[in-house]
PDB file of N, CA and C in Angstrom:
ATOM      1  N   MET A   1      -3.846  -8.863  10.248  1.00  0.00           N
ATOM      2  CA  MET A   1      -3.785  -7.506   9.765  1.00  0.00           C
ATOM      3  C   MET A   1      -2.527  -6.892  10.199  1.00  0.00           C
ATOM      4  N   VAL A   2      -1.968  -6.068   9.309  1.00  0.00           N
ATOM      5  CA  VAL A   2      -0.779  -5.309   9.646  1.00  0.00           C
ATOM      6  C   VAL A   2      -0.997  -3.830   9.264  1.00  0.00           C
ATOM      7  N   PHE A   3      -0.198  -2.952   9.893  1.00  0.00           N
ATOM      8  CA  PHE A   3      -0.403  -1.517   9.719  1.00  0.00           C
ATOM      9  C   PHE A   3       0.980  -0.834   9.517  1.00  0.00           C
ATOM     10  N   PRO A   4       1.653  -1.143   8.421  1.00  0.00           N
ATOM     11  CA  PRO A   4       3.021  -0.649   8.227  1.00  0.00           C
ATOM     12  C   PRO A   4       3.032   0.834   7.859  1.00  0.00           C
ATOM     13  N   ARG A   5       4.103   1.519   8.313  1.00  0.00           N
ATOM     14  CA  ARG A   5       4.376   2.879   7.855  1.00  0.00           C
ATOM     15  C   ARG A   5       5.116   2.749   6.510  1.00  0.00           C
ATOM     16  N   ILE A   6       4.753   3.640   5.611  1.00  0.00           N
ATOM     17  CA  ILE A   6       5.447   3.647   4.322  1.00  0.00           C
ATOM     18  C   ILE A   6       6.428   4.784   4.330  1.00  0.00           C
ATOM     19  N   PRO A   7       7.722   4.524   4.505  1.00  0.00           N
ATOM     20  CA  PRO A   7       8.718   5.540   4.603  1.00  0.00           C
ATOM     21  C   PRO A   7       8.734   6.437   3.388  1.00  0.00           C
ATOM     22  N   GLY A   8       8.790   7.740   3.563  1.00  0.00           N
ATOM     23  CA  GLY A   8       8.858   8.659   2.452  1.00  0.00           C
ATOM     24  C   GLY A   8       7.525   9.068   1.892  1.00  0.00           C
ATOM     25  N   VAL A   9       6.428   8.504   2.401  1.00  0.00           N
ATOM     26  CA  VAL A   9       5.093   8.850   1.975  1.00  0.00           C
ATOM     27  C   VAL A   9       4.316   9.511   3.111  1.00  0.00           C
ATOM     28  N   ARG A  10       3.917  10.736   2.844  1.00  0.00           N
ATOM     29  CA  ARG A  10       3.199  11.464   3.957  1.00  0.00           C
ATOM     30  C   ARG A  10       1.756  11.121   3.987  1.00  0.00           C
ATOM     31  N   ASP A  11       1.180  10.789   2.841  1.00  0.00           N
ATOM     32  CA  ASP A  11      -0.259  10.454   2.795  1.00  0.00           C
ATOM     33  C   ASP A  11      -0.488   9.274   1.837  1.00  0.00           C
ATOM     34  N   THR A  12      -0.968   8.172   2.290  1.00  0.00           N
ATOM     35  CA  THR A  12      -1.038   6.945   1.472  1.00  0.00           C
ATOM     36  C   THR A  12      -2.270   6.816   0.668  1.00  0.00           C
ATOM     37  N   ARG A  13      -3.116   7.866   0.655  1.00  0.00           N
ATOM     38  CA  ARG A  13      -4.375   7.765  -0.130  1.00  0.00           C
ATOM     39  C   ARG A  13      -4.120   7.536  -1.637  1.00  0.00           C
ATOM     40  N   GLN A  14      -3.141   8.186  -2.185  1.00  0.00           N
ATOM     41  CA  GLN A  14      -2.854   8.005  -3.605  1.00  0.00           C
ATOM     42  C   GLN A  14      -2.296   6.633  -3.876  1.00  0.00           C
ATOM     43  N   LEU A  15      -1.444   6.124  -2.968  1.00  0.00           N
ATOM     44  CA  LEU A  15      -0.932   4.774  -3.042  1.00  0.00           C
ATOM     45  C   LEU A  15      -2.085   3.767  -3.091  1.00  0.00           C
ATOM     46  N   ALA A  16      -3.031   3.937  -2.159  1.00  0.00           N
ATOM     47  CA  ALA A  16      -4.179   3.001  -2.088  1.00  0.00           C
ATOM     48  C   ALA A  16      -5.026   3.096  -3.340  1.00  0.00           C
ATOM     49  N   SER A  17      -5.227   4.289  -3.868  1.00  0.00           N
ATOM     50  CA  SER A  17      -5.974   4.459  -5.065  1.00  0.00           C
ATOM     51  C   SER A  17      -5.289   3.809  -6.274  1.00  0.00           C
ATOM     52  N   ASP A  18      -3.966   3.993  -6.414  1.00  0.00           N
ATOM     53  CA  ASP A  18      -3.225   3.405  -7.485  1.00  0.00           C
ATOM     54  C   ASP A  18      -3.245   1.888  -7.444  1.00  0.00           C
ATOM     55  N   LEU A  19      -3.113   1.338  -6.220  1.00  0.00           N
ATOM     56  CA  LEU A  19      -3.228  -0.110  -6.111  1.00  0.00           C
ATOM     57  C   LEU A  19      -4.545  -0.678  -6.568  1.00  0.00           C
ATOM     58  N   MET A  20      -5.614   0.060  -6.174  1.00  0.00           N
ATOM     59  CA  MET A  20      -6.954  -0.457  -6.592  1.00  0.00           C
ATOM     60  C   MET A  20      -7.175  -0.282  -8.130  1.00  0.00           C
ATOM     61  N   GLU A  21      -6.800   0.875  -8.621  1.00  0.00           N
ATOM     62  CA  GLU A  21      -7.125   1.121 -10.014  1.00  0.00           C
ATOM     63  C   GLU A  21      -6.234   0.352 -10.948  1.00  0.00           C
ATOM     64  N   ASN A  22      -4.967   0.124 -10.637  1.00  0.00           N
ATOM     65  CA  ASN A  22      -4.059  -0.541 -11.500  1.00  0.00           C
ATOM     66  C   ASN A  22      -3.775  -1.997 -11.238  1.00  0.00           C
ATOM     67  N   HIS A  23      -4.104  -2.416 -10.007  1.00  0.00           N
ATOM     68  CA  HIS A  23      -3.783  -3.823  -9.602  1.00  0.00           C
ATOM     69  C   HIS A  23      -4.927  -4.564  -8.967  1.00  0.00           C
ATOM     70  N   ARG A  24      -6.033  -3.915  -8.862  1.00  0.00           N
ATOM     71  CA  ARG A  24      -7.226  -4.564  -8.166  1.00  0.00           C
ATOM     72  C   ARG A  24      -6.804  -5.058  -6.789  1.00  0.00           C
ATOM     73  N   THR A  25      -6.029  -4.268  -6.095  1.00  0.00           N
ATOM     74  CA  THR A  25      -5.532  -4.641  -4.780  1.00  0.00           C
ATOM     75  C   THR A  25      -5.956  -3.594  -3.803  1.00  0.00           C
ATOM     76  N   ALA A  26      -6.636  -4.003  -2.744  1.00  0.00           N
ATOM     77  CA  ALA A  26      -7.165  -3.010  -1.790  1.00  0.00           C
ATOM     78  C   ALA A  26      -6.319  -2.982  -0.524  1.00  0.00           C
ATOM     79  N   VAL A  27      -5.934  -1.794  -0.109  1.00  0.00           N
ATOM     80  CA  VAL A  27      -5.403  -1.473   1.199  1.00  0.00           C
ATOM     81  C   VAL A  27      -6.167  -0.262   1.717  1.00  0.00           C
ATOM     82  N   VAL A  28      -6.103  -0.079   3.014  1.00  0.00           N
ATOM     83  CA  VAL A  28      -6.813   1.075   3.633  1.00  0.00           C
ATOM     84  C   VAL A  28      -5.825   2.138   3.935  1.00  0.00           C
ATOM     85  N   PRO A  29      -6.008   3.382   3.412  1.00  0.00           N
ATOM     86  CA  PRO A  29      -5.096   4.432   3.727  1.00  0.00           C
ATOM     87  C   PRO A  29      -5.063   4.727   5.237  1.00  0.00           C
ATOM     88  N   GLY A  30      -3.923   5.070   5.729  1.00  0.00           N
ATOM     89  CA  GLY A  30      -3.787   5.303   7.173  1.00  0.00           C
ATOM     90  C   GLY A  30      -4.503   6.584   7.594  1.00  0.00           C
ATOM     91  N   ALA A  31      -4.881   7.451   6.740  1.00  0.00           N
ATOM     92  CA  ALA A  31      -5.637   8.661   7.099  1.00  0.00           C
ATOM     93  C   ALA A  31      -6.917   8.317   7.840  1.00  0.00           C
ATOM     94  N   PHE A  32      -7.487   7.172   7.569  1.00  0.00           N
ATOM     95  CA  PHE A  32      -8.701   6.775   8.277  1.00  0.00           C
ATOM     96  C   PHE A  32      -8.454   6.449   9.692  1.00  0.00           C
ATOM     97  N   PHE A  33      -7.212   6.277  10.066  1.00  0.00           N
ATOM     98  CA  PHE A  33      -6.841   5.920  11.468  1.00  0.00           C
ATOM     99  C   PHE A  33      -5.919   7.007  12.069  1.00  0.00           C
ATOM    100  N   ASP A  34      -5.903   8.191  11.538  1.00  0.00           N
ATOM    101  CA  ASP A  34      -5.062   9.259  12.008  1.00  0.00           C
ATOM    102  C   ASP A  34      -3.563   8.939  11.901  1.00  0.00           C
ATOM    103  N   ALA A  35      -3.229   8.158  10.941  1.00  0.00           N
ATOM    104  CA  ALA A  35      -1.822   7.816  10.667  1.00  0.00           C
ATOM    105  C   ALA A  35      -1.635   7.799   9.160  1.00  0.00           C
ATOM    106  N   PRO A  36      -1.597   8.988   8.529  1.00  0.00           N
ATOM    107  CA  PRO A  36      -1.610   9.130   7.050  1.00  0.00           C
ATOM    108  C   PRO A  36      -0.435   8.490   6.363  1.00  0.00           C
ATOM    109  N   ASP A  37       0.627   8.200   7.052  1.00  0.00           N
ATOM    110  CA  ASP A  37       1.840   7.597   6.407  1.00  0.00           C
ATOM    111  C   ASP A  37       1.850   6.039   6.556  1.00  0.00           C
ATOM    112  N   HIS A  38       0.695   5.470   6.893  1.00  0.00           N
ATOM    113  CA  HIS A  38       0.548   4.031   7.056  1.00  0.00           C
ATOM    114  C   HIS A  38      -0.483   3.500   6.063  1.00  0.00           C
ATOM    115  N   ILE A  39      -0.478   2.199   5.936  1.00  0.00           N
ATOM    116  CA  ILE A  39      -1.596   1.522   5.228  1.00  0.00           C
ATOM    117  C   ILE A  39      -1.978   0.290   6.106  1.00  0.00           C
ATOM    118  N   ARG A  40      -3.251  -0.003   6.020  1.00  0.00           N
ATOM    119  CA  ARG A  40      -3.749  -1.211   6.718  1.00  0.00           C
ATOM    120  C   ARG A  40      -3.852  -2.313   5.643  1.00  0.00           C
ATOM    121  N   ILE A  41      -3.251  -3.477   5.959  1.00  0.00           N
ATOM    122  CA  ILE A  41      -3.290  -4.616   5.054  1.00  0.00           C
ATOM    123  C   ILE A  41      -3.961  -5.723   5.822  1.00  0.00           C
ATOM    124  N   ALA A  42      -5.032  -6.301   5.303  1.00  0.00           N
ATOM    125  CA  ALA A  42      -5.744  -7.396   5.900  1.00  0.00           C
ATOM    126  C   ALA A  42      -5.489  -8.641   5.094  1.00  0.00           C
ATOM    127  N   PHE A  43      -5.517  -9.789   5.787  1.00  0.00           N
ATOM    128  CA  PHE A  43      -5.165 -11.084   5.109  1.00  0.00           C
ATOM    129  C   PHE A  43      -6.396 -11.986   5.165  1.00  0.00           C
ATOM    130  N   GLY A  44      -7.533 -11.465   4.764  1.00  0.00           N
ATOM    131  CA  GLY A  44      -8.809 -12.232   4.883  1.00  0.00           C
ATOM    132  C   GLY A  44      -9.189 -12.960   3.611  1.00  0.00           C
ATOM    133  N   ALA A  45      -8.243 -13.303   2.790  1.00  0.00           N
ATOM    134  CA  ALA A  45      -8.508 -14.080   1.561  1.00  0.00           C
ATOM    135  C   ALA A  45      -7.679 -15.295   1.472  1.00  0.00           C
ATOM    136  N   ASP A  46      -7.876 -16.070   0.439  1.00  0.00           N
ATOM    137  CA  ASP A  46      -7.081 -17.315   0.287  1.00  0.00           C
ATOM    138  C   ASP A  46      -5.619 -16.904  -0.026  1.00  0.00           C
ATOM    139  N   ALA A  47      -4.746 -17.891   0.174  1.00  0.00           N
ATOM    140  CA  ALA A  47      -3.332 -17.575   0.089  1.00  0.00           C
ATOM    141  C   ALA A  47      -2.876 -17.062  -1.315  1.00  0.00           C
ATOM    142  N   THR A  48      -3.507 -17.564  -2.359  1.00  0.00           N
ATOM    143  CA  THR A  48      -3.166 -17.122  -3.699  1.00  0.00           C
ATOM    144  C   THR A  48      -3.487 -15.669  -3.852  1.00  0.00           C
ATOM    145  N   THR A  49      -4.685 -15.236  -3.414  1.00  0.00           N
ATOM    146  CA  THR A  49      -5.097 -13.856  -3.514  1.00  0.00           C
ATOM    147  C   THR A  49      -4.212 -12.940  -2.691  1.00  0.00           C
ATOM    148  N   VAL A  50      -3.908 -13.371  -1.460  1.00  0.00           N
ATOM    149  CA  VAL A  50      -3.036 -12.565  -0.607  1.00  0.00           C
ATOM    150  C   VAL A  50      -1.619 -12.403  -1.247  1.00  0.00           C
ATOM    151  N   SER A  51      -1.101 -13.478  -1.761  1.00  0.00           N
ATOM    152  CA  SER A  51       0.199 -13.450  -2.416  1.00  0.00           C
ATOM    153  C   SER A  51       0.194 -12.448  -3.638  1.00  0.00           C
ATOM    154  N   ALA A  52      -0.849 -12.543  -4.411  1.00  0.00           N
ATOM    155  CA  ALA A  52      -0.972 -11.633  -5.585  1.00  0.00           C
ATOM    156  C   ALA A  52      -1.052 -10.163  -5.109  1.00  0.00           C
ATOM    157  N   GLY A  53      -1.773  -9.904  -4.098  1.00  0.00           N
ATOM    158  CA  GLY A  53      -1.887  -8.555  -3.571  1.00  0.00           C
ATOM    159  C   GLY A  53      -0.600  -8.020  -3.007  1.00  0.00           C
ATOM    160  N   LEU A  54       0.156  -8.895  -2.267  1.00  0.00           N
ATOM    161  CA  LEU A  54       1.387  -8.467  -1.752  1.00  0.00           C
ATOM    162  C   LEU A  54       2.442  -8.251  -2.881  1.00  0.00           C
ATOM    163  N   THR A  55       2.373  -9.053  -3.901  1.00  0.00           N
ATOM    164  CA  THR A  55       3.248  -8.894  -5.035  1.00  0.00           C
ATOM    165  C   THR A  55       2.937  -7.514  -5.740  1.00  0.00           C
ATOM    166  N   ALA A  56       1.636  -7.212  -5.925  1.00  0.00           N
ATOM    167  CA  ALA A  56       1.296  -5.921  -6.537  1.00  0.00           C
ATOM    168  C   ALA A  56       1.743  -4.810  -5.652  1.00  0.00           C
ATOM    169  N   LEU A  57       1.596  -4.948  -4.332  1.00  0.00           N
ATOM    170  CA  LEU A  57       2.078  -3.817  -3.400  1.00  0.00           C
ATOM    171  C   LEU A  57       3.572  -3.670  -3.554  1.00  0.00           C
ATOM    172  N   GLY A  58       4.318  -4.780  -3.633  1.00  0.00           N
ATOM    173  CA  GLY A  58       5.773  -4.701  -3.850  1.00  0.00           C
ATOM    174  C   GLY A  58       6.144  -3.960  -5.111  1.00  0.00           C
ATOM    175  N   HIS A  59       5.425  -4.312  -6.187  1.00  0.00           N
ATOM    176  CA  HIS A  59       5.741  -3.660  -7.505  1.00  0.00           C
ATOM    177  C   HIS A  59       5.500  -2.138  -7.421  1.00  0.00           C
ATOM    178  N   VAL A  60       4.395  -1.757  -6.787  1.00  0.00           N
ATOM    179  CA  VAL A  60       4.100  -0.333  -6.659  1.00  0.00           C
ATOM    180  C   VAL A  60       5.136   0.364  -5.805  1.00  0.00           C
ATOM    181  N   LEU A  61       5.530  -0.235  -4.698  1.00  0.00           N
ATOM    182  CA  LEU A  61       6.534   0.399  -3.814  1.00  0.00           C
ATOM    183  C   LEU A  61       7.881   0.467  -4.528  1.00  0.00           C
ATOM    184  N   ASP A  62       8.227  -0.568  -5.256  1.00  0.00           N
ATOM    185  CA  ASP A  62       9.491  -0.586  -6.039  1.00  0.00           C
ATOM    186  C   ASP A  62       9.495   0.543  -7.090  1.00  0.00           C
ATOM    187  N   ALA A  63       8.370   0.792  -7.667  1.00  0.00           N
ATOM    188  CA  ALA A  63       8.275   1.798  -8.736  1.00  0.00           C
ATOM    189  C   ALA A  63       8.330   3.193  -8.091  1.00  0.00           C
ATOM    190  N   MET A  64       7.896   3.331  -6.834  1.00  0.00           N
ATOM    191  CA  MET A  64       7.978   4.592  -6.092  1.00  0.00           C
ATOM    192  C   MET A  64       9.352   4.881  -5.557  1.00  0.00           C
ATOM    193  N   ARG A  65      10.232   3.920  -5.454  1.00  0.00           N
ATOM    194  CA  ARG A  65      11.537   4.062  -4.829  1.00  0.00           C
ATOM    195  C   ARG A  65      12.357   5.235  -5.335  1.00  0.00           C
ATOM    196  N   PRO A  66      12.475   5.448  -6.683  1.00  0.00           N
ATOM    197  CA  PRO A  66      13.317   6.610  -7.158  1.00  0.00           C
ATOM    198  C   PRO A  66      12.670   7.967  -6.692  1.00  0.00           C
ATOM    199  N   VAL A  67      11.381   8.028  -6.665  1.00  0.00           N
ATOM    200  CA  VAL A  67      10.710   9.290  -6.235  1.00  0.00           C
ATOM    201  C   VAL A  67      10.960   9.490  -4.788  1.00  0.00           C
ATOM    202  N   LEU A  68      10.846   8.407  -3.987  1.00  0.00           N
ATOM    203  CA  LEU A  68      11.005   8.575  -2.511  1.00  0.00           C
ATOM    204  C   LEU A  68      12.435   8.950  -2.168  1.00  0.00           C
ATOM    205  N   ARG A  69      13.389   8.499  -2.904  1.00  0.00           N
ATOM    206  CA  ARG A  69      14.779   8.884  -2.629  1.00  0.00           C
ATOM    207  C   ARG A  69      15.037  10.377  -2.789  1.00  0.00           C
ATOM    208  N   ARG A  70      14.278  11.016  -3.713  1.00  0.00           N
ATOM    209  CA  ARG A  70      14.458  12.402  -3.978  1.00  0.00           C
ATOM    210  C   ARG A  70      13.727  13.297  -2.952  1.00  0.00           C
ATOM    211  N   SER A  71      12.805  12.748  -2.186  1.00  0.00           N
ATOM    212  CA  SER A  71      12.074  13.568  -1.259  1.00  0.00           C
ATOM    213  C   SER A  71      12.723  13.648   0.101  1.00  0.00           C
TER     214      SER A  71
END
């Protein structure tokens, strides 16, 4: 399990929701742990599933990059 901070994001609940709705990838918003700018990522699946989830997370973060630069 890892608990990275997402730079430029004050509350990761929308990020987590977008990942689930658009990519069927689950992360836990940091707000559940009093760290709203973090996400919890667990690696409790097979390597193929974990790889696909990390790829989806990367795509979402890449898409957010222009917005984050403006904030």
